[in-house]
């Protein structure tokens, strides 16, 4: 348990620090360049997707901590792989970077809110653990502080930060794999008992996230490259954050299983979507 309590926050901190190395203040300001695309994408991420996830949770009969774990996952911001998939699919990577920057800040507020409401509903937890100030501070420290430090380092040592882009991306994937392994090892029996339900829910959530992320902006006449960026940002959630918060802040190994399952399955729909979007430029 000591490894989980110490290693996972440090590993996530490294990933978020790496994310910060890719961001500048201009990335936040750039939202003024395409406000419609950003507002639509963020609305999908913060409001529509949690509603879709809640519908899936109820439809498949997930209960208790497993239901909360899935809601925790959907409230997490886009994963660090979103930029790569967006690039492969021909998306507007600059918009991805902007959405990632804004989502990293929003997550500090949306994660505790979604977790608190989910625990109150699915676990009849009148204390609303997710909304306690101490938990809020922990989420802030784990999610936002390393990003801010990374941005500061980028500002002071830009050449070094740019050189670290590829190593950081590789390290992020390695950390995700290790975090998933840790989560599965912590609650292997719960995974075996519930994989038949969690698998379809995680896969459908991934597919719906990609579809909503692409077609909702398109319906509002957002240009195709930006719609692709939105699809990848919304369709690839940061399972590392969700697992780490479940195991360290909320101290519940079972709650980490849904995001672990999602973390394994999400790459299949994302890869298929990237392939289709890159090939069928005039069709979708």
C-alpha atoms as a PDB file:
ATOM      1  CA  UNK A   1       0.000   0.000   0.000  1.00  0.00           C
ATOM      2  CA  UNK A   2       2.947   2.287   0.654  1.00  0.00           C
ATOM      3  CA  UNK A   3       3.999   1.878  -2.984  1.00  0.00           C
ATOM      4  CA  UNK A   4       0.511   2.905  -4.121  1.00  0.00           C
ATOM      5  CA  UNK A   5       0.334   5.909  -1.811  1.00  0.00           C
ATOM      6  CA  UNK A   6       3.788   7.214  -2.786  1.00  0.00           C
ATOM      7  CA  UNK A   7       4.598   5.913  -6.292  1.00  0.00           C
ATOM      8  CA  UNK A   8       1.270   6.636  -7.987  1.00  0.00           C
ATOM      9  CA  UNK A   9       1.048  10.339  -7.032  1.00  0.00           C
ATOM     10  CA  UNK A  10       4.694  10.801  -7.995  1.00  0.00           C
ATOM     11  CA  UNK A  11       4.148   9.008 -11.310  1.00  0.00           C
ATOM     12  CA  UNK A  12       1.059  11.075 -12.079  1.00  0.00           C
ATOM     13  CA  UNK A  13       2.915  14.197 -11.011  1.00  0.00           C
ATOM     14  CA  UNK A  14       5.620  13.343 -13.552  1.00  0.00           C
ATOM     15  CA  UNK A  15       3.009  12.905 -16.294  1.00  0.00           C
ATOM     16  CA  UNK A  16       1.286  16.193 -15.426  1.00  0.00           C
ATOM     17  CA  UNK A  17       4.677  17.955 -15.210  1.00  0.00           C
ATOM     18  CA  UNK A  18       5.396  16.620 -18.698  1.00  0.00           C
ATOM     19  CA  UNK A  19       2.052  17.972 -19.840  1.00  0.00           C
ATOM     20  CA  UNK A  20       2.989  21.351 -18.407  1.00  0.00           C
ATOM     21  CA  UNK A  21       6.197  21.307 -20.457  1.00  0.00           C
ATOM     22  CA  UNK A  22       4.052  21.298 -23.608  1.00  0.00           C
ATOM     23  CA  UNK A  23       1.893  24.264 -22.527  1.00  0.00           C
ATOM     24  CA  UNK A  24       2.336  28.024 -22.559  1.00  0.00           C
ATOM     25  CA  UNK A  25       0.138  30.916 -21.484  1.00  0.00           C
ATOM     26  CA  UNK A  26      -0.585  31.442 -25.181  1.00  0.00           C
ATOM     27  CA  UNK A  27      -2.316  28.050 -25.263  1.00  0.00           C
ATOM     28  CA  UNK A  28      -4.952  29.399 -22.876  1.00  0.00           C
ATOM     29  CA  UNK A  29      -5.225  32.677 -24.793  1.00  0.00           C
ATOM     30  CA  UNK A  30      -5.557  30.855 -28.114  1.00  0.00           C
ATOM     31  CA  UNK A  31      -9.138  29.916 -27.238  1.00  0.00           C
ATOM     32  CA  UNK A  32     -10.065  33.409 -28.459  1.00  0.00           C
ATOM     33  CA  UNK A  33      -9.007  32.338 -31.943  1.00  0.00           C
ATOM     34  CA  UNK A  34     -11.720  29.665 -32.152  1.00  0.00           C
ATOM     35  CA  UNK A  35     -14.094  30.223 -29.253  1.00  0.00           C
ATOM     36  CA  UNK A  36     -16.993  28.267 -30.772  1.00  0.00           C
ATOM     37  CA  UNK A  37     -14.973  25.076 -31.228  1.00  0.00           C
ATOM     38  CA  UNK A  38     -13.554  25.311 -27.695  1.00  0.00           C
ATOM     39  CA  UNK A  39     -16.868  26.072 -26.001  1.00  0.00           C
ATOM     40  CA  UNK A  40     -18.657  23.229 -27.810  1.00  0.00           C
ATOM     41  CA  UNK A  41     -15.889  20.743 -27.015  1.00  0.00           C
ATOM     42  CA  UNK A  42     -15.781  21.751 -23.352  1.00  0.00           C
ATOM     43  CA  UNK A  43     -19.566  21.569 -23.076  1.00  0.00           C
ATOM     44  CA  UNK A  44     -19.477  18.034 -24.472  1.00  0.00           C
ATOM     45  CA  UNK A  45     -16.701  17.086 -22.060  1.00  0.00           C
ATOM     46  CA  UNK A  46     -18.134  18.613 -18.897  1.00  0.00           C
ATOM     47  CA  UNK A  47     -21.898  18.169 -19.350  1.00  0.00           C
ATOM     48  CA  UNK A  48     -22.905  15.785 -22.150  1.00  0.00           C
ATOM     49  CA  UNK A  49     -20.412  12.990 -21.495  1.00  0.00           C
ATOM     50  CA  UNK A  50     -21.133  12.644 -17.763  1.00  0.00           C
ATOM     51  CA  UNK A  51     -24.828  12.385 -18.684  1.00  0.00           C
ATOM     52  CA  UNK A  52     -24.055   9.689 -21.283  1.00  0.00           C
ATOM     53  CA  UNK A  53     -21.851   7.820 -18.803  1.00  0.00           C
ATOM     54  CA  UNK A  54     -24.556   7.995 -16.144  1.00  0.00           C
ATOM     55  CA  UNK A  55     -27.012   6.511 -18.653  1.00  0.00           C
ATOM     56  CA  UNK A  56     -24.614   3.638 -19.406  1.00  0.00           C
ATOM     57  CA  UNK A  57     -23.989   3.010 -15.708  1.00  0.00           C
ATOM     58  CA  UNK A  58     -27.724   2.795 -15.039  1.00  0.00           C
ATOM     59  CA  UNK A  59     -28.455   0.756 -18.179  1.00  0.00           C
ATOM     60  CA  UNK A  60     -25.845  -1.874 -17.307  1.00  0.00           C
ATOM     61  CA  UNK A  61     -26.727  -1.911 -13.612  1.00  0.00           C
ATOM     62  CA  UNK A  62     -23.370  -0.815 -12.215  1.00  0.00           C
ATOM     63  CA  UNK A  63     -23.644  -0.084  -8.519  1.00  0.00           C
ATOM     64  CA  UNK A  64     -21.650   1.348  -5.633  1.00  0.00           C
ATOM     65  CA  UNK A  65     -17.963   2.060  -6.071  1.00  0.00           C
ATOM     66  CA  UNK A  66     -17.884   0.626  -9.603  1.00  0.00           C
ATOM     67  CA  UNK A  67     -20.457   3.192 -10.712  1.00  0.00           C
ATOM     68  CA  UNK A  68     -18.504   5.959  -8.979  1.00  0.00           C
ATOM     69  CA  UNK A  69     -15.287   4.724 -10.612  1.00  0.00           C
ATOM     70  CA  UNK A  70     -16.824   5.060 -14.057  1.00  0.00           C
ATOM     71  CA  UNK A  71     -18.104   8.554 -13.265  1.00  0.00           C
ATOM     72  CA  UNK A  72     -14.655   9.480 -11.919  1.00  0.00           C
ATOM     73  CA  UNK A  73     -13.181   8.354 -15.234  1.00  0.00           C
ATOM     74  CA  UNK A  74     -15.576  10.380 -17.382  1.00  0.00           C
ATOM     75  CA  UNK A  75     -14.901  13.495 -15.289  1.00  0.00           C
ATOM     76  CA  UNK A  76     -11.167  13.230 -15.959  1.00  0.00           C
ATOM     77  CA  UNK A  77      -9.681  15.500 -18.641  1.00  0.00           C
ATOM     78  CA  UNK A  78      -8.331  14.314 -21.973  1.00  0.00           C
ATOM     79  CA  UNK A  79      -5.396  11.925 -21.948  1.00  0.00           C
ATOM     80  CA  UNK A  80      -1.907  12.855 -23.090  1.00  0.00           C
ATOM     81  CA  UNK A  81      -2.315  10.561 -26.113  1.00  0.00           C
ATOM     82  CA  UNK A  82      -5.079  12.775 -27.548  1.00  0.00           C
ATOM     83  CA  UNK A  83      -2.578  15.056 -29.307  1.00  0.00           C
ATOM     84  CA  UNK A  84      -0.908  12.104 -31.011  1.00  0.00           C
ATOM     85  CA  UNK A  85      -4.176  10.571 -32.222  1.00  0.00           C
ATOM     86  CA  UNK A  86      -5.363  13.990 -33.376  1.00  0.00           C
ATOM     87  CA  UNK A  87      -2.178  14.417 -35.399  1.00  0.00           C
ATOM     88  CA  UNK A  88      -2.578  10.968 -36.976  1.00  0.00           C
ATOM     89  CA  UNK A  89      -6.207  11.711 -37.879  1.00  0.00           C
ATOM     90  CA  UNK A  90      -5.425  15.118 -39.372  1.00  0.00           C
ATOM     91  CA  UNK A  91      -6.848  17.194 -36.542  1.00  0.00           C
ATOM     92  CA  UNK A  92      -6.013  20.668 -35.298  1.00  0.00           C
ATOM     93  CA  UNK A  93      -3.378  19.782 -32.707  1.00  0.00           C
ATOM     94  CA  UNK A  94      -3.153  23.409 -31.534  1.00  0.00           C
ATOM     95  CA  UNK A  95      -6.805  23.173 -30.489  1.00  0.00           C
ATOM     96  CA  UNK A  96      -6.017  19.917 -28.678  1.00  0.00           C
ATOM     97  CA  UNK A  97      -3.288  21.651 -26.720  1.00  0.00           C
ATOM     98  CA  UNK A  98      -5.637  24.511 -25.851  1.00  0.00           C
ATOM     99  CA  UNK A  99      -8.412  22.129 -24.739  1.00  0.00           C
ATOM    100  CA  UNK A 100      -5.932  20.123 -22.670  1.00  0.00           C
ATOM    101  CA  UNK A 101      -4.736  23.287 -20.943  1.00  0.00           C
ATOM    102  CA  UNK A 102      -8.260  24.427 -20.080  1.00  0.00           C
ATOM    103  CA  UNK A 103      -9.409  20.918 -19.113  1.00  0.00           C
ATOM    104  CA  UNK A 104      -6.502  20.566 -16.705  1.00  0.00           C
ATOM    105  CA  UNK A 105      -7.788  23.600 -14.808  1.00  0.00           C
ATOM    106  CA  UNK A 106     -11.471  22.666 -15.031  1.00  0.00           C
ATOM    107  CA  UNK A 107     -10.767  19.146 -13.731  1.00  0.00           C
ATOM    108  CA  UNK A 108      -9.724  20.564 -10.371  1.00  0.00           C
ATOM    109  CA  UNK A 109     -13.346  21.667  -9.898  1.00  0.00           C
ATOM    110  CA  UNK A 110     -15.315  19.116 -11.941  1.00  0.00           C
ATOM    111  CA  UNK A 111     -13.643  15.989 -10.541  1.00  0.00           C
ATOM    112  CA  UNK A 112     -14.527  16.617  -6.876  1.00  0.00           C
ATOM    113  CA  UNK A 113     -18.023  17.720  -7.900  1.00  0.00           C
ATOM    114  CA  UNK A 114     -18.772  14.649 -10.018  1.00  0.00           C
ATOM    115  CA  UNK A 115     -17.231  12.275  -7.489  1.00  0.00           C
ATOM    116  CA  UNK A 116     -19.116  13.859  -4.604  1.00  0.00           C
ATOM    117  CA  UNK A 117     -22.483  13.707  -6.357  1.00  0.00           C
ATOM    118  CA  UNK A 118     -21.805  10.169  -7.592  1.00  0.00           C
ATOM    119  CA  UNK A 119     -20.874   8.911  -4.135  1.00  0.00           C
ATOM    120  CA  UNK A 120     -23.923  10.579  -2.634  1.00  0.00           C
ATOM    121  CA  UNK A 121     -26.152   8.847  -5.207  1.00  0.00           C
ATOM    122  CA  UNK A 122     -24.552   5.433  -5.694  1.00  0.00           C
ATOM    123  CA  UNK A 123     -23.123   4.883  -2.224  1.00  0.00           C
ATOM    124  CA  UNK A 124     -25.724   6.740  -0.145  1.00  0.00           C
ATOM    125  CA  UNK A 125     -22.799   8.642   1.342  1.00  0.00           C
ATOM    126  CA  UNK A 126     -24.331  11.616   3.092  1.00  0.00           C
ATOM    127  CA  UNK A 127     -20.853  12.881   3.946  1.00  0.00           C
ATOM    128  CA  UNK A 128     -20.192  13.419   0.211  1.00  0.00           C
ATOM    129  CA  UNK A 129     -16.535  12.480   0.469  1.00  0.00           C
ATOM    130  CA  UNK A 130     -15.624  13.942  -2.908  1.00  0.00           C
ATOM    131  CA  UNK A 131     -16.667  17.428  -1.882  1.00  0.00           C
ATOM    132  CA  UNK A 132     -14.671  17.679   1.350  1.00  0.00           C
ATOM    133  CA  UNK A 133     -12.144  20.536   1.276  1.00  0.00           C
ATOM    134  CA  UNK A 134      -9.217  18.209   2.044  1.00  0.00           C
ATOM    135  CA  UNK A 135     -10.068  16.027  -0.958  1.00  0.00           C
ATOM    136  CA  UNK A 136     -10.423  19.112  -3.140  1.00  0.00           C
ATOM    137  CA  UNK A 137      -6.954  20.282  -2.124  1.00  0.00           C
ATOM    138  CA  UNK A 138      -5.496  16.846  -2.914  1.00  0.00           C
ATOM    139  CA  UNK A 139      -7.037  16.877  -6.380  1.00  0.00           C
ATOM    140  CA  UNK A 140      -5.643  20.383  -6.914  1.00  0.00           C
ATOM    141  CA  UNK A 141      -2.181  19.281  -5.804  1.00  0.00           C
ATOM    142  CA  UNK A 142      -2.131  16.139  -7.944  1.00  0.00           C
ATOM    143  CA  UNK A 143      -3.660  17.585 -11.108  1.00  0.00           C
ATOM    144  CA  UNK A 144      -2.786  21.260 -11.407  1.00  0.00           C
ATOM    145  CA  UNK A 145       0.363  21.997  -9.402  1.00  0.00           C
ATOM    146  CA  UNK A 146       2.693  19.782 -11.525  1.00  0.00           C
ATOM    147  CA  UNK A 147       1.215  21.313 -14.702  1.00  0.00           C
ATOM    148  CA  UNK A 148       1.947  24.815 -13.400  1.00  0.00           C
ATOM    149  CA  UNK A 149       5.527  23.824 -12.513  1.00  0.00           C
ATOM    150  CA  UNK A 150       5.985  22.302 -15.977  1.00  0.00           C
ATOM    151  CA  UNK A 151       4.733  25.506 -17.612  1.00  0.00           C
ATOM    152  CA  UNK A 152       7.146  27.561 -15.505  1.00  0.00           C
ATOM    153  CA  UNK A 153      10.055  25.328 -16.532  1.00  0.00           C
ATOM    154  CA  UNK A 154       8.942  25.597 -20.184  1.00  0.00           C
ATOM    155  CA  UNK A 155       9.003  29.378 -19.896  1.00  0.00           C
ATOM    156  CA  UNK A 156      12.488  29.444 -18.378  1.00  0.00           C
ATOM    157  CA  UNK A 157      14.077  26.597 -20.371  1.00  0.00           C
ATOM    158  CA  UNK A 158      12.102  26.360 -23.605  1.00  0.00           C
ATOM    159  CA  UNK A 159      14.739  24.535 -25.670  1.00  0.00           C
ATOM    160  CA  UNK A 160      15.065  21.777 -23.076  1.00  0.00           C
ATOM    161  CA  UNK A 161      11.293  21.513 -22.705  1.00  0.00           C
ATOM    162  CA  UNK A 162      10.798  21.078 -26.446  1.00  0.00           C
ATOM    163  CA  UNK A 163      13.521  18.428 -26.528  1.00  0.00           C
ATOM    164  CA  UNK A 164      11.672  16.506 -23.798  1.00  0.00           C
ATOM    165  CA  UNK A 165       8.382  16.234 -25.751  1.00  0.00           C
ATOM    166  CA  UNK A 166       8.948  12.736 -27.138  1.00  0.00           C
ATOM    167  CA  UNK A 167      10.519  11.243 -23.980  1.00  0.00           C
ATOM    168  CA  UNK A 168       7.657  12.647 -21.907  1.00  0.00           C
ATOM    169  CA  UNK A 169       5.065  11.162 -24.269  1.00  0.00           C
ATOM    170  CA  UNK A 170       6.749   7.755 -24.025  1.00  0.00           C
ATOM    171  CA  UNK A 171       7.030   8.067 -20.249  1.00  0.00           C
ATOM    172  CA  UNK A 172       3.315   8.906 -20.046  1.00  0.00           C
ATOM    173  CA  UNK A 173       2.391   5.694 -21.848  1.00  0.00           C
ATOM    174  CA  UNK A 174       4.716   3.679 -19.597  1.00  0.00           C
ATOM    175  CA  UNK A 175       3.205   5.268 -16.488  1.00  0.00           C
ATOM    176  CA  UNK A 176      -0.321   4.519 -17.752  1.00  0.00           C
ATOM    177  CA  UNK A 177       0.588   0.848 -18.240  1.00  0.00           C
ATOM    178  CA  UNK A 178       2.159   0.629 -14.784  1.00  0.00           C
ATOM    179  CA  UNK A 179      -0.807   2.365 -13.153  1.00  0.00           C
ATOM    180  CA  UNK A 180      -3.244  -0.020 -14.861  1.00  0.00           C
ATOM    181  CA  UNK A 181      -1.194  -3.002 -13.706  1.00  0.00           C
ATOM    182  CA  UNK A 182      -1.167  -1.616 -10.159  1.00  0.00           C
ATOM    183  CA  UNK A 183      -4.923  -1.091 -10.202  1.00  0.00           C
ATOM    184  CA  UNK A 184      -5.601  -4.595 -11.515  1.00  0.00           C
ATOM    185  CA  UNK A 185      -3.219  -6.124  -8.978  1.00  0.00           C
ATOM    186  CA  UNK A 186      -4.975  -4.246  -6.171  1.00  0.00           C
ATOM    187  CA  UNK A 187      -8.444  -5.501  -7.100  1.00  0.00           C
ATOM    188  CA  UNK A 188      -7.958  -8.520  -9.368  1.00  0.00           C
ATOM    189  CA  UNK A 189     -10.936 -10.487  -8.065  1.00  0.00           C
ATOM    190  CA  UNK A 190     -13.296  -7.528  -8.460  1.00  0.00           C
ATOM    191  CA  UNK A 191     -12.065  -7.178 -12.043  1.00  0.00           C
ATOM    192  CA  UNK A 192     -12.744 -10.844 -12.805  1.00  0.00           C
ATOM    193  CA  UNK A 193     -16.182 -10.651 -11.192  1.00  0.00           C
ATOM    194  CA  UNK A 194     -17.226  -7.550 -13.130  1.00  0.00           C
ATOM    195  CA  UNK A 195     -15.322  -7.600 -16.431  1.00  0.00           C
ATOM    196  CA  UNK A 196     -18.421  -8.807 -18.307  1.00  0.00           C
ATOM    197  CA  UNK A 197     -20.198  -5.574 -17.386  1.00  0.00           C
ATOM    198  CA  UNK A 198     -17.293  -3.136 -17.167  1.00  0.00           C
ATOM    199  CA  UNK A 199     -15.875  -4.094 -20.563  1.00  0.00           C
ATOM    200  CA  UNK A 200     -18.979  -3.170 -22.599  1.00  0.00           C
ATOM    201  CA  UNK A 201     -19.581   0.002 -20.555  1.00  0.00           C
ATOM    202  CA  UNK A 202     -15.973   1.176 -21.017  1.00  0.00           C
ATOM    203  CA  UNK A 203     -15.975   0.320 -24.731  1.00  0.00           C
ATOM    204  CA  UNK A 204     -19.314   2.032 -25.364  1.00  0.00           C
ATOM    205  CA  UNK A 205     -18.220   5.096 -23.403  1.00  0.00           C
ATOM    206  CA  UNK A 206     -15.106   5.325 -25.559  1.00  0.00           C
ATOM    207  CA  UNK A 207     -17.114   4.999 -28.779  1.00  0.00           C
ATOM    208  CA  UNK A 208     -19.794   7.492 -27.684  1.00  0.00           C
ATOM    209  CA  UNK A 209     -17.097   9.951 -26.572  1.00  0.00           C
ATOM    210  CA  UNK A 210     -15.468   9.880 -30.005  1.00  0.00           C
ATOM    211  CA  UNK A 211     -18.780  10.149 -31.860  1.00  0.00           C
ATOM    212  CA  UNK A 212     -20.073  13.014 -29.702  1.00  0.00           C
ATOM    213  CA  UNK A 213     -16.705  14.768 -29.812  1.00  0.00           C
ATOM    214  CA  UNK A 214     -16.774  14.744 -33.615  1.00  0.00           C
ATOM    215  CA  UNK A 215     -20.399  15.046 -34.701  1.00  0.00           C
ATOM    216  CA  UNK A 216     -21.647  17.619 -32.170  1.00  0.00           C
ATOM    217  CA  UNK A 217     -19.072  20.221 -33.305  1.00  0.00           C
ATOM    218  CA  UNK A 218     -19.803  19.304 -36.939  1.00  0.00           C
ATOM    219  CA  UNK A 219     -23.518  19.930 -36.315  1.00  0.00           C
ATOM    220  CA  UNK A 220     -22.586  23.451 -35.206  1.00  0.00           C
ATOM    221  CA  UNK A 221     -20.545  24.035 -38.391  1.00  0.00           C
ATOM    222  CA  UNK A 222     -17.151  23.704 -36.716  1.00  0.00           C
ATOM    223  CA  UNK A 223     -14.523  22.986 -39.356  1.00  0.00           C
ATOM    224  CA  UNK A 224     -13.413  19.396 -39.821  1.00  0.00           C
ATOM    225  CA  UNK A 225      -9.861  19.647 -38.412  1.00  0.00           C
ATOM    226  CA  UNK A 226     -11.211  21.189 -35.209  1.00  0.00           C
ATOM    227  CA  UNK A 227     -13.958  18.566 -34.970  1.00  0.00           C
ATOM    228  CA  UNK A 228     -11.293  15.848 -35.175  1.00  0.00           C
ATOM    229  CA  UNK A 229      -9.304  17.552 -32.425  1.00  0.00           C
ATOM    230  CA  UNK A 230     -12.441  17.711 -30.298  1.00  0.00           C
ATOM    231  CA  UNK A 231     -13.189  14.021 -30.912  1.00  0.00           C
ATOM    232  CA  UNK A 232      -9.753  12.914 -29.769  1.00  0.00           C
ATOM    233  CA  UNK A 233      -9.644  15.246 -26.772  1.00  0.00           C
ATOM    234  CA  UNK A 234     -13.068  14.074 -25.588  1.00  0.00           C
ATOM    235  CA  UNK A 235     -12.640  10.458 -26.672  1.00  0.00           C
ATOM    236  CA  UNK A 236      -9.395   9.763 -24.814  1.00  0.00           C
ATOM    237  CA  UNK A 237      -9.818  10.319 -21.086  1.00  0.00           C
ATOM    238  CA  UNK A 238      -6.900  10.427 -18.666  1.00  0.00           C
ATOM    239  CA  UNK A 239      -7.271   7.046 -16.985  1.00  0.00           C
ATOM    240  CA  UNK A 240      -4.032   7.666 -15.085  1.00  0.00           C
ATOM    241  CA  UNK A 241      -5.608  10.540 -13.158  1.00  0.00           C
ATOM    242  CA  UNK A 242      -8.769   8.572 -12.390  1.00  0.00           C
ATOM    243  CA  UNK A 243      -6.898   5.485 -11.161  1.00  0.00           C
ATOM    244  CA  UNK A 244      -4.470   7.496  -9.059  1.00  0.00           C
ATOM    245  CA  UNK A 245      -7.239   9.520  -7.405  1.00  0.00           C
ATOM    246  CA  UNK A 246      -9.216   6.344  -6.693  1.00  0.00           C
ATOM    247  CA  UNK A 247      -6.259   4.594  -5.067  1.00  0.00           C
ATOM    248  CA  UNK A 248      -4.674   7.509  -3.224  1.00  0.00           C
ATOM    249  CA  UNK A 249      -7.194  10.287  -2.558  1.00  0.00           C
ATOM    250  CA  UNK A 250     -10.322   8.132  -2.204  1.00  0.00           C
ATOM    251  CA  UNK A 251      -8.461   5.032  -0.940  1.00  0.00           C
ATOM    252  CA  UNK A 252     -10.671   2.564  -2.791  1.00  0.00           C
ATOM    253  CA  UNK A 253      -9.028  -0.111  -4.949  1.00  0.00           C
ATOM    254  CA  UNK A 254     -12.316  -1.292  -6.455  1.00  0.00           C
ATOM    255  CA  UNK A 255     -13.086   2.225  -7.680  1.00  0.00           C
ATOM    256  CA  UNK A 256      -9.888   2.115  -9.751  1.00  0.00           C
ATOM    257  CA  UNK A 257     -11.035  -0.907 -11.786  1.00  0.00           C
ATOM    258  CA  UNK A 258     -13.430   0.896 -14.225  1.00  0.00           C
ATOM    259  CA  UNK A 259     -10.807   3.448 -15.330  1.00  0.00           C
ATOM    260  CA  UNK A 260      -8.223   0.634 -15.571  1.00  0.00           C
ATOM    261  CA  UNK A 261     -10.501  -1.314 -17.915  1.00  0.00           C
ATOM    262  CA  UNK A 262     -11.159   1.847 -19.910  1.00  0.00           C
ATOM    263  CA  UNK A 263      -7.430   2.607 -20.056  1.00  0.00           C
ATOM    264  CA  UNK A 264      -6.859  -0.720 -21.807  1.00  0.00           C
ATOM    265  CA  UNK A 265      -9.842  -0.589 -24.174  1.00  0.00           C
ATOM    266  CA  UNK A 266      -9.884   3.083 -25.207  1.00  0.00           C
ATOM    267  CA  UNK A 267      -7.048   2.769 -27.716  1.00  0.00           C
ATOM    268  CA  UNK A 268      -8.947   0.408 -30.014  1.00  0.00           C
ATOM    269  CA  UNK A 269     -11.837   2.806 -30.859  1.00  0.00           C
ATOM    270  CA  UNK A 270      -9.391   5.739 -30.938  1.00  0.00           C
ATOM    271  CA  UNK A 271      -7.129   3.931 -33.416  1.00  0.00           C
ATOM    272  CA  UNK A 272     -10.076   2.934 -35.613  1.00  0.00           C
ATOM    273  CA  UNK A 273     -11.441   6.501 -35.534  1.00  0.00           C
ATOM    274  CA  UNK A 274      -8.032   7.990 -36.391  1.00  0.00           C
ATOM    275  CA  UNK A 275      -7.690   5.576 -39.304  1.00  0.00           C
ATOM    276  CA  UNK A 276     -11.177   6.301 -40.683  1.00  0.00           C
ATOM    277  CA  UNK A 277     -10.877  10.054 -40.285  1.00  0.00           C
ATOM    278  CA  UNK A 278      -7.466  10.188 -41.919  1.00  0.00           C
ATOM    279  CA  UNK A 279      -8.649   8.120 -44.917  1.00  0.00           C
ATOM    280  CA  UNK A 280     -12.145   9.488 -45.471  1.00  0.00           C
ATOM    281  CA  UNK A 281     -11.505  13.216 -45.513  1.00  0.00           C
ATOM    282  CA  UNK A 282     -14.334  13.960 -47.897  1.00  0.00           C
ATOM    283  CA  UNK A 283     -16.836  11.511 -46.418  1.00  0.00           C
ATOM    284  CA  UNK A 284     -17.251  12.381 -42.725  1.00  0.00           C
END
